[in-house]
N, C-alpha and C. Protein backbone atom coordinates (compact mmCIF):
# COMPACT_ATOMS: atom_id res chain seq x y z
N UNK A 1 149.76 215.27 166.89
CA UNK A 1 150.22 214.18 167.77
C UNK A 1 150.35 213.06 166.61
N UNK A 2 151.33 212.12 166.82
CA UNK A 2 151.65 211.04 165.77
C UNK A 2 150.58 209.94 166.24
N UNK A 3 150.46 209.22 165.14
CA UNK A 3 149.52 207.89 165.35
C UNK A 3 150.05 206.97 166.27
N UNK A 4 151.04 206.87 166.41
CA UNK A 4 151.75 205.87 167.32
C UNK A 4 151.66 206.22 168.71
N UNK A 5 151.75 207.73 168.76
CA UNK A 5 151.15 208.22 170.26
C UNK A 5 149.94 208.15 170.58
N UNK A 6 149.10 208.41 169.80
CA UNK A 6 147.66 208.14 170.03
C UNK A 6 147.45 206.74 170.32
N UNK A 7 148.18 205.71 169.56
CA UNK A 7 147.82 204.28 170.02
C UNK A 7 148.43 204.03 171.43
N UNK A 8 149.46 204.56 171.87
CA UNK A 8 150.18 204.25 173.21
C UNK A 8 149.19 204.81 174.38
N UNK A 9 148.42 206.07 174.09
CA UNK A 9 147.41 206.76 174.61
C UNK A 9 146.14 205.96 175.01
N UNK A 10 145.85 205.30 173.82
CA UNK A 10 144.77 204.58 174.15
C UNK A 10 144.87 203.34 174.87
N UNK A 11 146.11 202.76 174.56
CA UNK A 11 146.27 201.46 175.31
C UNK A 11 146.41 201.88 177.10
N UNK A 12 147.11 203.08 177.18
CA UNK A 12 146.87 203.54 178.52
C UNK A 12 145.36 203.83 179.27
N UNK A 13 144.64 204.27 178.40
CA UNK A 13 143.52 204.64 179.02
C UNK A 13 142.83 203.40 179.15
N UNK A 14 142.78 202.19 177.99
CA UNK A 14 142.31 200.94 178.11
C UNK A 14 142.51 200.42 179.37
N UNK A 15 144.02 200.48 179.88
CA UNK A 15 144.50 199.65 180.76
C UNK A 15 143.92 200.31 182.05
N UNK A 16 143.82 201.72 182.11
CA UNK A 16 143.34 202.36 183.28
C UNK A 16 141.91 201.96 183.40
N UNK A 17 141.26 201.60 182.42
CA UNK A 17 139.79 201.24 182.45
C UNK A 17 139.56 199.68 183.06
N UNK A 18 140.29 198.88 182.28
CA UNK A 18 140.03 197.43 182.39
C UNK A 18 140.66 196.86 183.42
N UNK A 19 141.73 197.39 184.17
CA UNK A 19 142.27 196.70 185.34
C UNK A 19 141.56 196.99 186.82
N UNK A 20 141.09 198.41 186.77
CA UNK A 20 140.03 198.52 188.13
C UNK A 20 139.01 197.86 187.77
N UNK A 21 138.18 197.84 186.69
CA UNK A 21 137.28 197.10 186.59
C UNK A 21 137.35 195.36 186.87
N UNK A 22 138.18 194.93 186.60
CA UNK A 22 138.34 193.84 187.07
C UNK A 22 138.44 193.33 188.26
N UNK A 23 139.34 194.26 189.02
CA UNK A 23 139.62 194.00 190.46
C UNK A 23 138.21 194.35 191.18
N UNK A 24 137.22 195.55 190.72
CA UNK A 24 136.26 195.56 191.52
C UNK A 24 135.33 194.16 191.43
N UNK A 25 135.03 193.65 189.92
CA UNK A 25 134.33 192.59 189.90
C UNK A 25 134.84 191.44 190.56
N UNK A 26 136.15 191.24 190.83
CA UNK A 26 136.53 190.13 191.23
C UNK A 26 136.45 190.27 192.78
N UNK A 27 136.46 191.33 193.27
CA UNK A 27 136.01 191.64 194.84
C UNK A 27 134.68 191.66 195.15
N UNK A 28 133.76 191.81 193.98
CA UNK A 28 132.36 191.76 194.30
C UNK A 28 131.80 190.23 194.24
N UNK A 29 132.30 189.85 193.22
CA UNK A 29 131.54 188.45 192.60
C UNK A 29 132.70 187.40 192.71
N UNK A 30 133.83 187.56 193.25
CA UNK A 30 134.92 186.18 193.60
C UNK A 30 134.05 185.30 194.40
N UNK A 31 133.45 185.57 195.42
CA UNK A 31 132.74 184.14 195.98
C UNK A 31 131.59 183.53 195.68
N UNK A 32 131.04 184.73 195.01
CA UNK A 32 129.99 183.81 193.78
C UNK A 32 130.15 182.90 192.93
N UNK A 33 131.37 183.48 192.31
CA UNK A 33 131.90 182.50 191.18
C UNK A 33 133.16 181.36 191.52
N UNK A 34 133.46 181.46 192.51
CA UNK A 34 134.52 180.92 193.21
C UNK A 34 134.29 179.07 192.58
N UNK A 35 133.19 178.41 192.81
CA UNK A 35 132.80 177.09 192.40
C UNK A 35 132.76 176.79 191.14
N UNK A 36 132.71 177.92 190.14
CA UNK A 36 132.33 177.56 188.68
C UNK A 36 133.57 177.52 187.97
N UNK A 37 133.43 176.78 186.64
CA UNK A 37 134.85 176.26 185.99
C UNK A 37 135.46 177.96 185.55
N UNK A 38 136.68 177.71 185.48
CA UNK A 38 137.56 179.09 185.41
C UNK A 38 137.15 179.89 183.69
N UNK A 39 136.82 178.87 182.91
CA UNK A 39 136.16 179.47 181.68
C UNK A 39 134.79 180.29 182.06
N UNK A 40 134.01 179.61 182.41
CA UNK A 40 132.88 180.31 182.99
C UNK A 40 132.57 181.72 183.83
N UNK A 41 133.57 181.45 184.59
CA UNK A 41 134.07 182.70 185.31
C UNK A 41 134.51 184.07 184.74
N UNK A 42 135.18 183.46 183.49
CA UNK A 42 135.88 184.35 182.85
C UNK A 42 134.84 185.21 181.89
N UNK A 43 133.92 184.08 181.40
CA UNK A 43 133.32 184.71 180.26
C UNK A 43 131.91 185.66 181.18
N UNK A 44 131.55 185.21 182.34
CA UNK A 44 130.80 186.08 183.12
C UNK A 44 131.30 187.45 183.67
N UNK A 45 132.66 187.36 184.20
CA UNK A 45 133.30 188.67 184.31
C UNK A 45 133.81 189.53 183.07
N UNK A 46 134.05 188.91 182.15
CA UNK A 46 134.08 189.68 180.78
C UNK A 46 132.91 190.18 180.14
N UNK A 47 131.79 189.52 180.29
CA UNK A 47 130.45 190.08 179.95
C UNK A 47 130.03 191.48 180.84
N UNK A 48 130.55 191.22 181.97
CA UNK A 48 130.08 192.51 182.61
C UNK A 48 131.05 193.67 182.43
N UNK A 49 132.46 193.35 182.37
CA UNK A 49 133.64 194.41 182.37
C UNK A 49 133.68 195.22 181.00
N UNK A 50 133.07 194.46 179.83
CA UNK A 50 133.07 195.17 178.71
C UNK A 50 132.15 196.14 178.28
N UNK A 51 130.98 196.05 178.59
CA UNK A 51 130.07 197.28 178.60
C UNK A 51 130.51 198.31 179.51
N UNK A 52 130.94 197.69 180.92
CA UNK A 52 131.45 198.84 181.86
C UNK A 52 132.42 199.88 181.04
N UNK A 53 133.36 199.39 180.56
CA UNK A 53 134.46 199.87 180.09
C UNK A 53 134.13 200.52 178.87
N UNK A 54 133.45 200.05 177.80
CA UNK A 54 133.09 200.43 176.87
C UNK A 54 132.08 201.60 176.72
N UNK A 55 131.33 201.50 177.23
CA UNK A 55 130.06 202.50 177.57
C UNK A 55 130.26 203.37 178.54
N UNK A 56 130.90 202.99 179.56
CA UNK A 56 131.19 204.07 180.97
C UNK A 56 132.42 204.51 180.84
N UNK A 57 133.72 203.95 181.14
CA UNK A 57 134.73 204.43 181.66
C UNK A 57 135.38 204.97 180.59
N UNK A 58 135.53 204.07 179.39
CA UNK A 58 136.58 204.92 178.23
C UNK A 58 135.66 205.88 177.54
N UNK A 59 134.64 206.47 177.59
CA UNK A 59 134.46 207.70 177.23
C UNK A 59 134.55 208.75 178.10
N UNK A 60 134.34 208.62 179.08
CA UNK A 60 134.96 209.55 180.26
C UNK A 60 136.32 209.64 180.16
N UNK A 61 137.24 208.66 180.01
CA UNK A 61 138.51 208.85 180.01
C UNK A 61 139.06 209.63 178.71
N UNK A 62 138.25 209.61 177.68
CA UNK A 62 138.52 210.07 176.31
C UNK A 62 138.31 211.62 176.40
N UNK A 63 137.22 212.03 177.23
CA UNK A 63 136.85 213.32 177.51
C UNK A 63 137.88 214.05 178.41
N UNK A 64 138.34 213.17 179.26
CA UNK A 64 139.32 213.68 180.29
C UNK A 64 140.57 214.02 179.52
N UNK A 65 140.99 213.13 178.84
CA UNK A 65 142.26 213.21 177.54
C UNK A 65 142.06 214.28 177.03
N UNK A 66 140.97 214.56 176.39
CA UNK A 66 140.56 215.76 175.44
C UNK A 66 140.88 217.25 176.10
N UNK A 67 140.33 217.00 177.11
CA UNK A 67 140.53 218.24 178.13
C UNK A 67 141.93 218.62 178.44
N UNK A 68 142.78 217.47 178.60
CA UNK A 68 144.10 217.81 179.18
C UNK A 68 145.06 218.04 178.01
N UNK A 69 144.66 217.49 176.82
CA UNK A 69 145.61 217.81 175.64
C UNK A 69 145.04 218.84 174.81
N UNK A 70 144.24 219.02 174.61
CA UNK A 70 143.60 220.05 173.78
C UNK A 70 144.23 221.66 174.07
N UNK A 71 144.86 222.48 173.19
CA UNK A 71 145.57 223.54 173.64
C UNK A 71 144.06 224.84 174.27
N UNK A 72 144.40 225.20 174.98
CA UNK A 72 143.53 226.24 175.72
C UNK A 72 143.69 227.50 174.73
N UNK A 73 142.41 228.31 174.72
CA UNK A 73 142.50 229.41 173.98
C UNK A 73 142.71 230.69 174.92
N UNK A 74 143.04 231.57 174.75
CA UNK A 74 143.59 232.90 175.57
C UNK A 74 144.65 232.66 176.21
């Protein structure tokens, strides 16, 4: 698999992890953060989203990708 293909797969995996995470956080916290300045809302949301994505969702998606793309023996 080419380096370029790996980069595209990683971009898709990151998008698949980040977009739903931000949507869920916005649904859960939108009312609580509504009156805060936009920069502060963004910092709070990013501070929650980054660990969820990096430590939770991306490892899961990487394992799933490995299962789907590795050749099966037998």
